[in-house]
């Protein structure tokens, strides 16, 4: 995927997201319920989804992956190791701020 294609994909995704928001809130800022900080957070989250999509597309196009069973075994093993590490180093668990 060339940089131009990545840029074009991001542009199309941004226009699509703005179009969906414009359909929901046709009068613009007067009806928008979020403040500027939450709006920026929402846009960054959407951009993250676009970047993940572009990277997963590039990974499936350019990389020859092993068999599905091998990939599943590695992913499950890593998840279990992460759970064990969290339980050992954080016995109280992960807590979100109230």
Protein backbone atom coordinates (compact mmCIF):
# COMPACT_ATOMS: atom_id res chain seq x y z
CA UNK A 1 0.00 0.00 0.00
CA UNK A 2 1.54 3.27 -1.09
CA UNK A 3 1.47 6.35 1.12
CA UNK A 4 -1.02 7.91 -1.28
CA UNK A 5 -3.39 4.96 -0.85
CA UNK A 6 -3.10 5.24 2.95
CA UNK A 7 -3.82 8.97 2.72
CA UNK A 8 -6.77 8.34 0.42
CA UNK A 9 -8.15 5.66 2.74
CA UNK A 10 -7.86 8.01 5.71
CA UNK A 11 -9.53 10.82 3.77
CA UNK A 12 -12.45 8.62 2.71
CA UNK A 13 -12.88 7.29 6.26
CA UNK A 14 -12.86 10.84 7.66
CA UNK A 15 -15.43 12.06 5.14
CA UNK A 16 -17.59 9.02 5.88
CA UNK A 17 -17.41 9.61 9.65
CA UNK A 18 -18.22 13.31 9.26
CA UNK A 19 -21.14 12.42 6.98
CA UNK A 20 -22.57 10.04 9.58
CA UNK A 21 -22.26 12.68 12.30
CA UNK A 22 -23.79 15.30 9.98
CA UNK A 23 -26.80 13.08 9.40
CA UNK A 24 -27.29 12.67 13.15
CA UNK A 25 -26.70 16.34 14.04
CA UNK A 26 -27.72 18.40 10.97
CA UNK A 27 -27.53 21.80 12.74
CA UNK A 28 -23.91 21.25 13.74
CA UNK A 29 -22.36 22.54 16.95
CA UNK A 30 -25.66 23.76 18.42
CA UNK A 31 -26.89 20.16 18.76
CA UNK A 32 -23.55 18.42 19.41
CA UNK A 33 -23.57 17.10 23.02
CA UNK A 34 -19.78 16.71 23.53
CA UNK A 35 -17.22 19.33 24.51
CA UNK A 36 -14.05 19.93 22.49
CA UNK A 37 -11.88 17.50 24.46
CA UNK A 38 -14.32 14.61 24.12
CA UNK A 39 -14.78 15.43 20.42
CA UNK A 40 -11.02 15.25 19.85
CA UNK A 41 -10.90 11.95 21.77
CA UNK A 42 -13.66 10.58 19.53
CA UNK A 43 -11.80 11.64 16.36
CA UNK A 44 -8.53 10.11 17.57
CA UNK A 45 -10.34 6.85 18.35
CA UNK A 46 -11.79 6.79 14.85
CA UNK A 47 -8.39 7.50 13.33
CA UNK A 48 -6.92 4.65 15.37
CA UNK A 49 -9.49 2.30 13.85
CA UNK A 50 -8.52 3.45 10.35
CA UNK A 51 -4.81 2.93 11.08
CA UNK A 52 -5.46 -0.57 12.46
CA UNK A 53 -7.47 -1.41 9.34
CA UNK A 54 -4.71 -0.12 7.04
CA UNK A 55 -2.00 -2.00 8.94
CA UNK A 56 -4.00 -5.23 8.98
CA UNK A 57 -4.56 -4.87 5.23
CA UNK A 58 -0.84 -4.35 4.66
CA UNK A 59 0.03 -7.29 6.93
CA UNK A 60 -2.29 -9.68 5.12
CA UNK A 61 -1.13 -8.48 1.72
CA UNK A 62 2.64 -8.46 2.23
CA UNK A 63 3.35 -11.12 4.86
CA UNK A 64 3.07 -14.86 4.35
CA UNK A 65 1.47 -16.08 7.57
CA UNK A 66 1.85 -19.56 9.04
CA UNK A 67 -1.07 -21.97 9.29
CA UNK A 68 -4.22 -20.82 11.15
CA UNK A 69 -3.70 -23.35 13.94
CA UNK A 70 -0.16 -22.08 14.56
CA UNK A 71 -1.27 -18.45 14.70
CA UNK A 72 -4.16 -19.33 17.03
CA UNK A 73 -1.82 -21.26 19.34
CA UNK A 74 0.62 -18.34 19.55
CA UNK A 75 -2.13 -15.77 20.19
CA UNK A 76 -3.78 -17.89 22.90
CA UNK A 77 -0.40 -18.58 24.53
CA UNK A 78 0.45 -14.87 24.59
CA UNK A 79 -2.96 -14.00 26.07
CA UNK A 80 -2.56 -16.60 28.80
CA UNK A 81 0.96 -15.35 29.58
CA UNK A 82 -0.43 -11.80 29.83
CA UNK A 83 -3.15 -12.98 32.22
CA UNK A 84 -0.59 -14.78 34.38
CA UNK A 85 1.65 -11.70 34.42
CA UNK A 86 -1.25 -9.47 35.46
CA UNK A 87 -2.29 -11.87 38.20
CA UNK A 88 1.28 -12.11 39.55
CA UNK A 89 2.28 -8.45 39.37
CA UNK A 90 -1.15 -6.89 40.01
CA UNK A 91 -2.97 -9.16 42.48
CA UNK A 92 -5.62 -6.47 43.07
CA UNK A 93 -6.34 -6.39 39.35
CA UNK A 94 -6.52 -3.51 36.95
CA UNK A 95 -8.65 -0.71 38.35
CA UNK A 96 -10.06 2.18 36.42
CA UNK A 97 -10.21 5.57 38.02
CA UNK A 98 -13.65 6.29 39.53
